[in-house]
PDB file of N, CA and C in Angstrom:
ATOM      1  N   UNK A   1      64.996  25.909 160.350  1.00  0.00           N
ATOM      2  CA  UNK A   1      64.936  26.160 161.729  1.00  0.00           C
ATOM      3  C   UNK A   1      65.612  27.810 161.391  1.00  0.00           C
ATOM      4  N   UNK A   2      64.578  28.820 162.074  1.00  0.00           N
ATOM      5  CA  UNK A   2      65.495  30.396 161.380  1.00  0.00           C
ATOM      6  C   UNK A   2      66.190  30.289 162.638  1.00  0.00           C
ATOM      7  N   UNK A   3      66.981  31.357 162.716  1.00  0.00           N
ATOM      8  CA  UNK A   3      67.783  32.110 163.980  1.00  0.00           C
ATOM      9  C   UNK A   3      67.539  32.300 165.496  1.00  0.00           C
ATOM     10  N   UNK A   4      65.914  32.754 164.982  1.00  0.00           N
ATOM     11  CA  UNK A   4      65.180  32.672 166.024  1.00  0.00           C
ATOM     12  C   UNK A   4      65.484  31.458 166.977  1.00  0.00           C
ATOM     13  N   UNK A   5      64.619  30.777 166.109  1.00  0.00           N
ATOM     14  CA  UNK A   5      64.362  29.550 166.628  1.00  0.00           C
ATOM     15  C   UNK A   5      65.372  29.024 167.203  1.00  0.00           C
ATOM     16  N   UNK A   6      66.614  28.983 166.838  1.00  0.00           N
ATOM     17  CA  UNK A   6      68.190  28.188 167.309  1.00  0.00           C
ATOM     18  C   UNK A   6      68.480  29.331 168.935  1.00  0.00           C
ATOM     19  N   UNK A   7      68.106  30.415 168.500  1.00  0.00           N
ATOM     20  CA  UNK A   7      68.530  31.029 170.063  1.00  0.00           C
ATOM     21  C   UNK A   7      67.184  30.321 170.855  1.00  0.00           C
ATOM     22  N   UNK A   8      66.232  30.789 170.868  1.00  0.00           N
ATOM     23  CA  UNK A   8      64.927  29.603 171.458  1.00  0.00           C
ATOM     24  C   UNK A   8      65.485  28.728 172.576  1.00  0.00           C
ATOM     25  N   UNK A   9      66.447  28.064 170.715  1.00  0.00           N
ATOM     26  CA  UNK A   9      66.616  26.395 171.771  1.00  0.00           C
ATOM     27  C   UNK A   9      67.775  26.630 172.584  1.00  0.00           C
ATOM     28  N   UNK A  10      68.651  27.540 172.411  1.00  0.00           N
ATOM     29  CA  UNK A  10      69.794  27.104 172.944  1.00  0.00           C
ATOM     30  C   UNK A  10      69.602  27.762 174.391  1.00  0.00           C
ATOM     31  N   UNK A  11      68.828  28.789 174.621  1.00  0.00           N
ATOM     32  CA  UNK A  11      68.548  29.462 175.238  1.00  0.00           C
ATOM     33  C   UNK A  11      67.905  28.450 176.793  1.00  0.00           C
ATOM     34  N   UNK A  12      66.635  26.994 176.205  1.00  0.00           N
ATOM     35  CA  UNK A  12      66.769  26.243 176.931  1.00  0.00           C
ATOM     36  C   UNK A  12      67.012  25.246 177.244  1.00  0.00           C
ATOM     37  N   UNK A  13      68.344  25.277 176.583  1.00  0.00           N
ATOM     38  CA  UNK A  13      68.882  23.921 176.881  1.00  0.00           C
ATOM     39  C   UNK A  13      70.262  24.752 178.090  1.00  0.00           C
ATOM     40  N   UNK A  14      70.498  26.109 177.957  1.00  0.00           N
ATOM     41  CA  UNK A  14      70.641  26.769 179.155  1.00  0.00           C
ATOM     42  C   UNK A  14      70.262  26.703 180.241  1.00  0.00           C
ATOM     43  N   UNK A  15      68.697  27.077 179.886  1.00  0.00           N
ATOM     44  CA  UNK A  15      68.513  27.122 181.873  1.00  0.00           C
ATOM     45  C   UNK A  15      68.002  25.397 182.382  1.00  0.00           C
ATOM     46  N   UNK A  16      68.076  24.450 181.318  1.00  0.00           N
ATOM     47  CA  UNK A  16      68.320  23.008 181.286  1.00  0.00           C
ATOM     48  C   UNK A  16      69.354  22.391 182.298  1.00  0.00           C
ATOM     49  N   UNK A  17      70.211  22.981 181.904  1.00  0.00           N
ATOM     50  CA  UNK A  17      71.951  23.372 182.515  1.00  0.00           C
ATOM     51  C   UNK A  17      71.909  23.888 183.874  1.00  0.00           C
ATOM     52  N   UNK A  18      71.202  24.443 183.844  1.00  0.00           N
ATOM     53  CA  UNK A  18      71.648  25.302 185.055  1.00  0.00           C
ATOM     54  C   UNK A  18      70.760  24.740 185.970  1.00  0.00           C
ATOM     55  N   UNK A  19      69.303  24.576 185.718  1.00  0.00           N
ATOM     56  CA  UNK A  19      68.457  23.983 186.736  1.00  0.00           C
ATOM     57  C   UNK A  19      68.676  22.308 187.005  1.00  0.00           C
ATOM     58  N   UNK A  20      69.682  21.755 185.948  1.00  0.00           N
ATOM     59  CA  UNK A  20      70.804  20.710 186.880  1.00  0.00           C
ATOM     60  C   UNK A  20      71.588  20.929 187.182  1.00  0.00           C
ATOM     61  N   UNK A  21      72.157  21.728 187.187  1.00  0.00           N
ATOM     62  CA  UNK A  21      73.601  21.665 188.133  1.00  0.00           C
ATOM     63  C   UNK A  21      73.064  22.801 189.576  1.00  0.00           C
ATOM     64  N   UNK A  22      71.951  23.166 189.472  1.00  0.00           N
ATOM     65  CA  UNK A  22      71.427  22.943 191.219  1.00  0.00           C
ATOM     66  C   UNK A  22      70.825  22.396 191.707  1.00  0.00           C
ATOM     67  N   UNK A  23      70.120  21.102 190.553  1.00  0.00           N
ATOM     68  CA  UNK A  23      69.924  19.504 191.135  1.00  0.00           C
ATOM     69  C   UNK A  23      71.271  18.987 191.940  1.00  0.00           C
ATOM     70  N   UNK A  24      72.181  19.090 191.591  1.00  0.00           N
ATOM     71  CA  UNK A  24      73.618  18.554 191.761  1.00  0.00           C
ATOM     72  C   UNK A  24      73.685  17.697 190.451  1.00  0.00           C
ATOM     73  N   UNK A  25      73.104  17.702 189.541  1.00  0.00           N
ATOM     74  CA  UNK A  25      73.509  16.287 188.362  1.00  0.00           C
ATOM     75  C   UNK A  25      74.919  16.992 187.071  1.00  0.00           C
ATOM     76  N   UNK A  26      74.873  16.130 186.540  1.00  0.00           N
ATOM     77  CA  UNK A  26      76.508  16.656 185.453  1.00  0.00           C
ATOM     78  C   UNK A  26      75.703  16.462 183.922  1.00  0.00           C
ATOM     79  N   UNK A  27      76.462  16.935 183.451  1.00  0.00           N
ATOM     80  CA  UNK A  27      76.306  16.791 181.854  1.00  0.00           C
ATOM     81  C   UNK A  27      75.871  15.687 181.283  1.00  0.00           C
ATOM     82  N   UNK A  28      77.135  14.613 182.127  1.00  0.00           N
ATOM     83  CA  UNK A  28      76.921  13.460 181.351  1.00  0.00           C
ATOM     84  C   UNK A  28      75.870  12.789 181.942  1.00  0.00           C
ATOM     85  N   UNK A  29      75.423  12.966 182.983  1.00  0.00           N
ATOM     86  CA  UNK A  29      73.748  12.565 183.504  1.00  0.00           C
ATOM     87  C   UNK A  29      73.368  12.508 182.740  1.00  0.00           C
ATOM     88  N   UNK A  30      72.601  13.524 182.425  1.00  0.00           N
ATOM     89  CA  UNK A  30      71.829  14.415 181.546  1.00  0.00           C
ATOM     90  C   UNK A  30      71.893  14.029 180.011  1.00  0.00           C
ATOM     91  N   UNK A  31      73.046  13.391 179.861  1.00  0.00           N
ATOM     92  CA  UNK A  31      73.022  12.884 178.491  1.00  0.00           C
ATOM     93  C   UNK A  31      72.681  11.452 178.602  1.00  0.00           C
ATOM     94  N   UNK A  32      72.978  10.474 179.649  1.00  0.00           N
ATOM     95  CA  UNK A  32      72.567   9.537 179.822  1.00  0.00           C
ATOM     96  C   UNK A  32      71.616   9.287 180.436  1.00  0.00           C
ATOM     97  N   UNK A  33      70.796  10.203 181.043  1.00  0.00           N
ATOM     98  CA  UNK A  33      68.971  10.267 180.689  1.00  0.00           C
ATOM     99  C   UNK A  33      68.310  10.771 179.546  1.00  0.00           C
ATOM    100  N   UNK A  34      68.834  11.120 178.207  1.00  0.00           N
ATOM    101  CA  UNK A  34      68.436  10.914 177.235  1.00  0.00           C
ATOM    102  C   UNK A  34      68.781  10.277 176.419  1.00  0.00           C
ATOM    103  N   UNK A  35      69.368   9.350 176.638  1.00  0.00           N
ATOM    104  CA  UNK A  35      69.727   8.364 175.515  1.00  0.00           C
ATOM    105  C   UNK A  35      69.023   6.709 175.939  1.00  0.00           C
ATOM    106  N   UNK A  36      68.849   7.386 177.603  1.00  0.00           N
ATOM    107  CA  UNK A  36      67.808   5.973 177.941  1.00  0.00           C
ATOM    108  C   UNK A  36      66.661   6.173 177.239  1.00  0.00           C
ATOM    109  N   UNK A  37      66.622   7.848 177.345  1.00  0.00           N
ATOM    110  CA  UNK A  37      64.839   8.111 176.753  1.00  0.00           C
ATOM    111  C   UNK A  37      64.505   7.999 175.625  1.00  0.00           C
ATOM    112  N   UNK A  38      65.355   8.052 174.824  1.00  0.00           N
ATOM    113  CA  UNK A  38      65.891   7.813 173.259  1.00  0.00           C
ATOM    114  C   UNK A  38      65.582   6.594 172.633  1.00  0.00           C
ATOM    115  N   UNK A  39      66.284   5.810 173.841  1.00  0.00           N
ATOM    116  CA  UNK A  39      65.997   4.118 173.579  1.00  0.00           C
ATOM    117  C   UNK A  39      65.057   3.248 173.724  1.00  0.00           C
ATOM    118  N   UNK A  40      63.735   4.070 174.451  1.00  0.00           N
ATOM    119  CA  UNK A  40      62.438   3.508 174.364  1.00  0.00           C
ATOM    120  C   UNK A  40      61.488   3.810 173.749  1.00  0.00           C
ATOM    121  N   UNK A  41      62.121   4.902 172.870  1.00  0.00           N
ATOM    122  CA  UNK A  41      61.287   5.861 171.543  1.00  0.00           C
ATOM    123  C   UNK A  41      60.780   4.312 170.585  1.00  0.00           C
TER     124      UNK A  41
END
């Protein structure tokens, strides 16, 4: 990954966290959701 790609990915995570906060989700809830999704793969 180049620097531009990393910056874009960072911004996507920031946007995700802001949306989650607006929905009342915690970072831990998001982590749990992502872990569950990875286990099904």
